[in-house]
Amino acid sequence: MQVTGITKTGVENQLAVEIFDIETVKTEIVQSIKNNDTLSLIDKVVDLYGDDVWFQSTKSIYDNYELYDLSKEELMVLGSLIIVSRFIP
């Protein structure tokens, strides 16, 4: 979706805005973990949705792991992804 606005200096700007549901992102992360397909997961999510969405999603999944039926091993994978993502510039 394109949004047009005028800055304080009177310059007209067009911005591309993407609207998404964070639950979709969380589902994508959980499915990748369950399918053992996490090699480029961090890059993929961050490139598509940004750092904040990655951190909000992974924190929510980790805090509510029972809702996502994650095994201990899958929870450890999620924890590792969270730790690794903190060191990626």
N, C-alpha and C. Protein backbone atom coordinates (compact mmCIF):
# COMPACT_ATOMS: atom_id res chain seq x y z
N MET A 1 0.85 -1.16 0.00
CA MET A 1 0.00 0.00 0.00
C MET A 1 0.90 1.23 0.00
N GLN A 2 0.57 2.21 -0.78
CA GLN A 2 1.31 3.47 -0.84
C GLN A 2 0.61 4.52 0.00
N VAL A 3 1.37 5.26 0.76
CA VAL A 3 0.84 6.35 1.58
C VAL A 3 1.56 7.62 1.18
N THR A 4 0.81 8.67 0.96
CA THR A 4 1.40 9.96 0.61
C THR A 4 1.19 10.92 1.76
N GLY A 5 2.23 11.66 2.08
CA GLY A 5 2.14 12.65 3.15
C GLY A 5 3.00 13.85 2.85
N ILE A 6 2.78 14.91 3.58
CA ILE A 6 3.55 16.14 3.40
C ILE A 6 4.34 16.39 4.68
N THR A 7 5.64 16.62 4.50
CA THR A 7 6.51 16.88 5.66
C THR A 7 6.28 18.28 6.19
N LYS A 8 6.90 18.60 7.31
CA LYS A 8 6.78 19.94 7.91
C LYS A 8 7.29 21.03 6.98
N THR A 9 8.23 20.67 6.11
CA THR A 9 8.79 21.65 5.18
C THR A 9 7.95 21.76 3.90
N GLY A 10 6.86 21.01 3.81
CA GLY A 10 6.00 21.08 2.65
C GLY A 10 6.34 20.14 1.52
N VAL A 11 7.32 19.27 1.73
CA VAL A 11 7.72 18.31 0.71
C VAL A 11 6.79 17.10 0.77
N GLU A 12 6.30 16.71 -0.40
CA GLU A 12 5.42 15.54 -0.46
C GLU A 12 6.25 14.27 -0.57
N ASN A 13 5.95 13.31 0.29
CA ASN A 13 6.66 12.02 0.32
C ASN A 13 5.68 10.89 0.12
N GLN A 14 6.13 9.86 -0.60
CA GLN A 14 5.35 8.64 -0.72
C GLN A 14 6.11 7.52 -0.01
N LEU A 15 5.39 6.78 0.80
CA LEU A 15 5.97 5.67 1.53
C LEU A 15 5.22 4.39 1.20
N ALA A 16 5.94 3.31 1.14
CA ALA A 16 5.32 1.99 0.97
C ALA A 16 5.08 1.42 2.36
N VAL A 17 3.87 1.02 2.62
CA VAL A 17 3.51 0.49 3.93
C VAL A 17 3.00 -0.93 3.75
N GLU A 18 3.50 -1.83 4.57
CA GLU A 18 3.03 -3.22 4.54
C GLU A 18 2.37 -3.53 5.86
N ILE A 19 1.16 -4.01 5.79
CA ILE A 19 0.42 -4.36 7.00
C ILE A 19 0.43 -5.88 7.11
N PHE A 20 0.73 -6.38 8.30
CA PHE A 20 0.79 -7.82 8.51
C PHE A 20 0.32 -8.13 9.92
N ASP A 21 0.05 -9.37 10.16
CA ASP A 21 -0.39 -9.86 11.46
C ASP A 21 0.79 -10.55 12.13
N ILE A 22 1.14 -10.10 13.32
CA ILE A 22 2.30 -10.68 14.01
C ILE A 22 2.09 -12.17 14.32
N GLU A 23 0.83 -12.58 14.44
CA GLU A 23 0.57 -14.01 14.66
C GLU A 23 1.04 -14.85 13.48
N THR A 24 0.96 -14.28 12.28
CA THR A 24 1.44 -14.97 11.09
C THR A 24 2.95 -15.17 11.19
N VAL A 25 3.65 -14.16 11.67
CA VAL A 25 5.10 -14.25 11.83
C VAL A 25 5.44 -15.32 12.87
N LYS A 26 4.73 -15.32 13.98
CA LYS A 26 4.99 -16.31 15.03
C LYS A 26 4.73 -17.73 14.51
N THR A 27 3.68 -17.90 13.73
CA THR A 27 3.39 -19.21 13.15
C THR A 27 4.50 -19.64 12.22
N GLU A 28 5.01 -18.71 11.43
CA GLU A 28 6.12 -19.02 10.51
C GLU A 28 7.36 -19.46 11.28
N ILE A 29 7.66 -18.77 12.37
CA ILE A 29 8.83 -19.11 13.19
C ILE A 29 8.66 -20.50 13.81
N VAL A 30 7.49 -20.75 14.40
CA VAL A 30 7.24 -22.05 15.04
C VAL A 30 7.31 -23.18 14.01
N GLN A 31 6.70 -22.99 12.85
CA GLN A 31 6.73 -24.03 11.83
C GLN A 31 8.15 -24.31 11.35
N SER A 32 8.95 -23.26 11.22
CA SER A 32 10.35 -23.45 10.81
C SER A 32 11.12 -24.25 11.85
N ILE A 33 10.86 -23.97 13.12
CA ILE A 33 11.53 -24.71 14.20
C ILE A 33 11.07 -26.17 14.18
N LYS A 34 9.77 -26.40 14.07
CA LYS A 34 9.24 -27.77 14.06
C LYS A 34 9.71 -28.56 12.85
N ASN A 35 9.94 -27.88 11.72
CA ASN A 35 10.41 -28.55 10.51
C ASN A 35 11.93 -28.60 10.41
N ASN A 36 12.59 -28.15 11.48
CA ASN A 36 14.05 -28.12 11.52
C ASN A 36 14.62 -27.36 10.31
N ASP A 37 14.00 -26.22 10.01
CA ASP A 37 14.38 -25.40 8.87
C ASP A 37 14.70 -23.98 9.35
N THR A 38 15.74 -23.88 10.17
CA THR A 38 16.04 -22.59 10.81
C THR A 38 17.31 -21.93 10.28
N LEU A 39 17.91 -22.49 9.24
CA LEU A 39 19.20 -22.00 8.77
C LEU A 39 19.19 -20.50 8.48
N SER A 40 18.23 -20.01 7.73
CA SER A 40 18.19 -18.58 7.40
C SER A 40 16.95 -17.91 7.97
N LEU A 41 16.38 -18.50 9.00
CA LEU A 41 15.13 -17.98 9.58
C LEU A 41 15.26 -16.55 10.09
N ILE A 42 16.33 -16.27 10.83
CA ILE A 42 16.50 -14.92 11.38
C ILE A 42 16.56 -13.89 10.26
N ASP A 43 17.41 -14.14 9.27
CA ASP A 43 17.55 -13.20 8.16
C ASP A 43 16.22 -13.01 7.42
N LYS A 44 15.53 -14.11 7.20
CA LYS A 44 14.27 -14.05 6.46
C LYS A 44 13.24 -13.18 7.20
N VAL A 45 13.06 -13.42 8.48
CA VAL A 45 12.08 -12.66 9.26
C VAL A 45 12.50 -11.20 9.39
N VAL A 46 13.77 -10.97 9.70
CA VAL A 46 14.25 -9.59 9.87
C VAL A 46 14.17 -8.82 8.55
N ASP A 47 14.52 -9.45 7.44
CA ASP A 47 14.44 -8.78 6.14
C ASP A 47 13.01 -8.43 5.78
N LEU A 48 12.07 -9.33 6.07
CA LEU A 48 10.68 -9.09 5.70
C LEU A 48 9.94 -8.16 6.66
N TYR A 49 10.22 -8.29 7.97
CA TYR A 49 9.40 -7.60 8.96
C TYR A 49 10.17 -6.67 9.89
N GLY A 50 11.47 -6.82 9.99
CA GLY A 50 12.27 -5.94 10.85
C GLY A 50 12.67 -6.59 12.16
N ASP A 51 13.67 -5.97 12.80
CA ASP A 51 14.21 -6.47 14.07
C ASP A 51 13.16 -6.51 15.18
N ASP A 52 12.37 -5.45 15.28
CA ASP A 52 11.40 -5.38 16.38
C ASP A 52 10.40 -6.52 16.31
N VAL A 53 9.96 -6.85 15.12
CA VAL A 53 8.99 -7.94 14.97
C VAL A 53 9.64 -9.26 15.33
N TRP A 54 10.90 -9.46 14.94
CA TRP A 54 11.62 -10.68 15.31
C TRP A 54 11.68 -10.81 16.83
N PHE A 55 12.10 -9.74 17.51
CA PHE A 55 12.25 -9.81 18.97
C PHE A 55 10.90 -9.96 19.67
N GLN A 56 9.88 -9.24 19.22
CA GLN A 56 8.55 -9.37 19.83
C GLN A 56 8.00 -10.78 19.64
N SER A 57 8.15 -11.30 18.43
CA SER A 57 7.62 -12.62 18.12
C SER A 57 8.32 -13.71 18.91
N THR A 58 9.64 -13.70 18.89
CA THR A 58 10.38 -14.76 19.59
C THR A 58 10.18 -14.68 21.09
N LYS A 59 10.10 -13.48 21.64
CA LYS A 59 9.85 -13.33 23.08
C LYS A 59 8.48 -13.87 23.44
N SER A 60 7.49 -13.55 22.64
CA SER A 60 6.14 -14.04 22.88
C SER A 60 6.07 -15.56 22.79
N ILE A 61 6.71 -16.13 21.78
CA ILE A 61 6.72 -17.59 21.64
C ILE A 61 7.42 -18.22 22.84
N TYR A 62 8.57 -17.68 23.23
CA TYR A 62 9.33 -18.23 24.34
C TYR A 62 8.54 -18.14 25.65
N ASP A 63 7.91 -16.99 25.88
CA ASP A 63 7.14 -16.79 27.12
C ASP A 63 5.89 -17.67 27.17
N ASN A 64 5.37 -18.04 26.02
CA ASN A 64 4.13 -18.82 25.95
C ASN A 64 4.32 -20.12 25.18
N TYR A 65 5.48 -20.75 25.37
CA TYR A 65 5.82 -21.93 24.58
C TYR A 65 4.80 -23.05 24.68
N GLU A 66 4.08 -23.13 25.79
CA GLU A 66 3.08 -24.19 25.95
C GLU A 66 1.99 -24.07 24.89
N LEU A 67 1.66 -22.84 24.51
CA LEU A 67 0.60 -22.62 23.51
C LEU A 67 1.02 -23.11 22.13
N TYR A 68 2.32 -23.20 21.90
CA TYR A 68 2.83 -23.58 20.58
C TYR A 68 3.28 -25.04 20.55
N ASP A 69 3.07 -25.75 21.65
CA ASP A 69 3.38 -27.18 21.73
C ASP A 69 4.83 -27.47 21.33
N LEU A 70 5.75 -26.66 21.88
CA LEU A 70 7.17 -26.86 21.59
C LEU A 70 7.76 -27.87 22.56
N SER A 71 8.52 -28.80 22.04
CA SER A 71 9.24 -29.75 22.88
C SER A 71 10.41 -29.04 23.55
N LYS A 72 11.07 -29.70 24.49
CA LYS A 72 12.24 -29.09 25.13
C LYS A 72 13.33 -28.80 24.11
N GLU A 73 13.51 -29.71 23.16
CA GLU A 73 14.54 -29.52 22.13
C GLU A 73 14.20 -28.32 21.25
N GLU A 74 12.92 -28.20 20.87
CA GLU A 74 12.49 -27.07 20.04
C GLU A 74 12.60 -25.76 20.81
N LEU A 75 12.31 -25.80 22.10
CA LEU A 75 12.47 -24.61 22.93
C LEU A 75 13.94 -24.21 23.02
N MET A 76 14.83 -25.19 23.09
CA MET A 76 16.26 -24.89 23.11
C MET A 76 16.70 -24.28 21.78
N VAL A 77 16.15 -24.75 20.67
CA VAL A 77 16.46 -24.16 19.36
C VAL A 77 16.00 -22.71 19.33
N LEU A 78 14.79 -22.45 19.81
CA LEU A 78 14.29 -21.07 19.85
C LEU A 78 15.20 -20.20 20.71
N GLY A 79 15.58 -20.72 21.87
CA GLY A 79 16.49 -19.96 22.74
C GLY A 79 17.81 -19.66 22.06
N SER A 80 18.33 -20.64 21.34
CA SER A 80 19.59 -20.44 20.61
C SER A 80 19.43 -19.37 19.53
N LEU A 81 18.30 -19.41 18.81
CA LEU A 81 18.05 -18.40 17.77
C LEU A 81 17.97 -17.01 18.37
N ILE A 82 17.34 -16.89 19.53
CA ILE A 82 17.23 -15.60 20.21
C ILE A 82 18.62 -15.10 20.59
N ILE A 83 19.44 -15.97 21.16
CA ILE A 83 20.80 -15.57 21.56
C ILE A 83 21.63 -15.16 20.35
N VAL A 84 21.61 -15.99 19.31
CA VAL A 84 22.38 -15.71 18.11
C VAL A 84 21.95 -14.38 17.48
N SER A 85 20.64 -14.13 17.46
CA SER A 85 20.13 -12.91 16.82
C SER A 85 20.62 -11.64 17.51
N ARG A 86 20.95 -11.74 18.77
CA ARG A 86 21.43 -10.56 19.51
C ARG A 86 22.84 -10.16 19.09
N PHE A 87 23.56 -11.07 18.45
CA PHE A 87 24.93 -10.79 18.03
C PHE A 87 25.04 -10.44 16.56
N ILE A 88 23.93 -10.48 15.85
CA ILE A 88 23.94 -10.13 14.42
C ILE A 88 23.76 -8.63 14.30
N PRO A 89 24.69 -7.96 13.62
CA PRO A 89 24.57 -6.49 13.51
C PRO A 89 23.41 -6.06 12.64
